[in-house]
């Protein structure tokens, strides 16, 4: 992948076909971080959009990017293509900056904002990850954001 982008894939169950598009990564914003990457892709209740966790690898006060973006996979301007072809780039919309959520809940900012979960009644949760090792500070937490209609706003 070129610098500043990663591939996201779509699998068609009916055909067994994998197709791909590019996802544009934000530039590293913290001097304490080495990179920005993706942790999670979660289908949203509309059935055609996803929430994507994009994060830096910095912790605590050095962290600048623990973000949740939305991507509309049904955008007619983006075609998912077979591997090896020149790929279109998806657009993304900021849904939530999770740093504020962690701060308001007095949660030490971990390296890994690991995931987003949406329940059948549309409640949204963030999950952190401490890798289950003694050397990592903090603990794995599930942070409620509320229902989808209000979870993705500050």
Protein backbone atom coordinates (compact mmCIF):
# COMPACT_ATOMS: atom_id res chain seq x y z
CA UNK A 1 0.00 0.00 0.00
CA UNK A 2 1.19 3.54 -0.59
CA UNK A 3 2.13 5.67 2.42
CA UNK A 4 -0.92 7.10 4.15
CA UNK A 5 -3.36 4.41 2.99
CA UNK A 6 -4.41 0.84 3.69
CA UNK A 7 -6.65 -1.60 1.88
CA UNK A 8 -10.07 -2.52 3.17
CA UNK A 9 -11.73 -5.63 1.81
CA UNK A 10 -15.26 -6.69 1.07
CA UNK A 11 -16.28 -10.34 0.80
CA UNK A 12 -19.35 -11.34 -1.19
CA UNK A 13 -20.75 -14.48 0.41
CA UNK A 14 -22.88 -15.37 -2.62
CA UNK A 15 -19.95 -15.34 -5.06
CA UNK A 16 -16.97 -15.99 -2.77
CA UNK A 17 -15.32 -12.90 -4.27
CA UNK A 18 -12.98 -10.54 -2.40
CA UNK A 19 -12.81 -6.92 -3.56
CA UNK A 20 -10.82 -3.98 -2.21
CA UNK A 21 -10.67 -0.20 -1.89
CA UNK A 22 -8.17 2.16 -0.28
CA UNK A 23 -8.78 3.80 3.07
CA UNK A 24 -6.91 7.09 3.65
CA UNK A 25 -5.09 7.24 6.99
CA UNK A 26 -4.64 10.49 8.88
CA UNK A 27 -1.06 11.68 9.28
CA UNK A 28 0.61 10.99 12.64
CA UNK A 29 -0.24 13.95 14.89
CA UNK A 30 1.72 13.10 18.04
CA UNK A 31 5.48 13.19 18.53
CA UNK A 32 4.97 10.24 20.90
CA UNK A 33 3.47 8.05 18.13
CA UNK A 34 5.25 6.07 15.43
CA UNK A 35 2.26 5.27 13.25
CA UNK A 36 -1.49 5.51 12.67
CA UNK A 37 -3.46 2.39 11.77
CA UNK A 38 -6.82 0.64 12.02
CA UNK A 39 -8.08 -1.47 14.91
CA UNK A 40 -11.66 -2.29 14.02
CA UNK A 41 -14.28 -2.22 11.31
CA UNK A 42 -17.88 -2.58 12.57
CA UNK A 43 -21.02 -2.69 10.45
CA UNK A 44 -23.47 0.08 11.37
CA UNK A 45 -27.22 -0.55 11.69
CA UNK A 46 -27.97 0.96 8.25
CA UNK A 47 -26.38 -2.17 6.76
CA UNK A 48 -24.11 -0.38 4.28
CA UNK A 49 -21.88 1.85 6.42
CA UNK A 50 -19.09 0.89 8.79
CA UNK A 51 -17.46 2.48 11.82
CA UNK A 52 -13.67 2.30 11.61
CA UNK A 53 -11.38 2.79 14.61
CA UNK A 54 -8.28 4.70 13.50
CA UNK A 55 -5.63 5.20 16.17
CA UNK A 56 -2.06 6.15 16.88
CA UNK A 57 0.16 3.94 19.02
CA UNK A 58 0.73 6.51 21.76
CA UNK A 59 -0.56 6.31 25.34
CA UNK A 60 -1.80 8.73 27.98
CA UNK A 61 -0.95 12.40 27.32
CA UNK A 62 1.03 11.52 24.21
CA UNK A 63 -2.02 10.12 22.40
CA UNK A 64 -3.66 12.37 19.82
CA UNK A 65 -5.62 9.98 17.61
CA UNK A 66 -8.23 7.59 18.95
CA UNK A 67 -10.87 8.28 16.33
CA UNK A 68 -13.98 6.59 14.98
CA UNK A 69 -14.71 7.29 11.34
CA UNK A 70 -17.72 6.34 9.25
CA UNK A 71 -17.41 4.97 5.71
CA UNK A 72 -20.37 4.42 3.38
CA UNK A 73 -19.61 1.21 1.51
CA UNK A 74 -22.52 1.89 -0.86
CA UNK A 75 -21.04 5.20 -2.10
CA UNK A 76 -21.59 5.03 -5.88
CA UNK A 77 -18.38 7.00 -6.53
CA UNK A 78 -16.22 4.19 -5.09
CA UNK A 79 -15.88 0.81 -6.76
CA UNK A 80 -14.41 -2.09 -4.80
CA UNK A 81 -12.09 -3.93 -7.20
CA UNK A 82 -10.20 -7.24 -7.39
CA UNK A 83 -6.76 -7.43 -5.80
CA UNK A 84 -4.03 -6.10 -8.08
CA UNK A 85 -6.14 -3.46 -9.82
CA UNK A 86 -5.78 0.28 -9.20
CA UNK A 87 -8.03 0.93 -6.20
CA UNK A 88 -10.52 3.71 -5.53
CA UNK A 89 -10.25 5.56 -2.21
CA UNK A 90 -13.24 5.65 0.14
CA UNK A 91 -14.37 8.85 1.82
CA UNK A 92 -14.57 9.01 5.58
CA UNK A 93 -16.51 11.11 8.07
CA UNK A 94 -15.45 11.64 11.69
CA UNK A 95 -18.10 10.07 13.93
CA UNK A 96 -16.39 10.44 17.31
CA UNK A 97 -13.09 11.48 18.87
CA UNK A 98 -12.75 8.90 21.64
CA UNK A 99 -10.10 10.85 23.58
CA UNK A 100 -12.82 13.07 25.03
CA UNK A 101 -14.91 10.05 26.01
CA UNK A 102 -11.98 8.41 27.78
CA UNK A 103 -11.11 11.66 29.56
CA UNK A 104 -14.69 12.32 30.71
CA UNK A 105 -14.80 8.79 32.15
CA UNK A 106 -11.40 9.20 33.90
CA UNK A 107 -9.90 6.38 31.83
CA UNK A 108 -6.15 6.41 31.19
CA UNK A 109 -5.68 6.55 27.42
CA UNK A 110 -4.36 3.20 26.23
CA UNK A 111 -2.33 2.46 23.13
CA UNK A 112 -5.21 0.41 21.82
CA UNK A 113 -8.68 1.67 21.39
CA UNK A 114 -9.51 -1.80 20.17
CA UNK A 115 -13.10 -1.93 19.07
CA UNK A 116 -16.63 -0.69 18.71
CA UNK A 117 -19.63 -2.91 19.42
CA UNK A 118 -23.27 -2.20 18.63
CA UNK A 119 -25.97 -4.23 20.35
CA UNK A 120 -29.26 -5.29 18.77
CA UNK A 121 -30.99 -2.40 20.54
CA UNK A 122 -28.40 -0.02 18.99
CA UNK A 123 -26.34 0.74 22.09
CA UNK A 124 -22.72 1.53 21.25
CA UNK A 125 -19.69 0.52 23.32
CA UNK A 126 -15.97 1.22 22.94
CA UNK A 127 -13.49 -1.44 24.02
CA UNK A 128 -9.91 -0.85 25.14
CA UNK A 129 -7.21 -3.53 25.16
CA UNK A 130 -4.28 -4.05 27.51
CA UNK A 131 -3.04 -7.18 25.69
CA UNK A 132 -3.40 -9.16 28.92
CA UNK A 133 0.21 -8.54 29.92
CA UNK A 134 1.68 -7.26 33.16
CA UNK A 135 3.86 -4.68 31.41
CA UNK A 136 0.82 -2.83 30.05
CA UNK A 137 -0.89 -0.38 32.35
CA UNK A 138 -4.64 -0.25 32.71
CA UNK A 139 -7.27 -2.85 32.10
CA UNK A 140 -9.65 -3.85 29.36
CA UNK A 141 -12.73 -1.66 29.58
CA UNK A 142 -16.08 -1.38 27.81
CA UNK A 143 -17.22 2.23 27.65
CA UNK A 144 -20.88 2.95 26.87
CA UNK A 145 -21.51 5.73 24.34
CA UNK A 146 -25.30 5.53 24.24
CA UNK A 147 -27.55 4.66 21.33
CA UNK A 148 -26.25 5.07 17.78
CA UNK A 149 -28.20 8.26 17.08
CA UNK A 150 -26.25 10.09 19.78
CA UNK A 151 -23.16 7.94 20.26
CA UNK A 152 -21.34 9.35 17.29
CA UNK A 153 -21.27 12.97 18.31
CA UNK A 154 -19.39 14.84 21.01
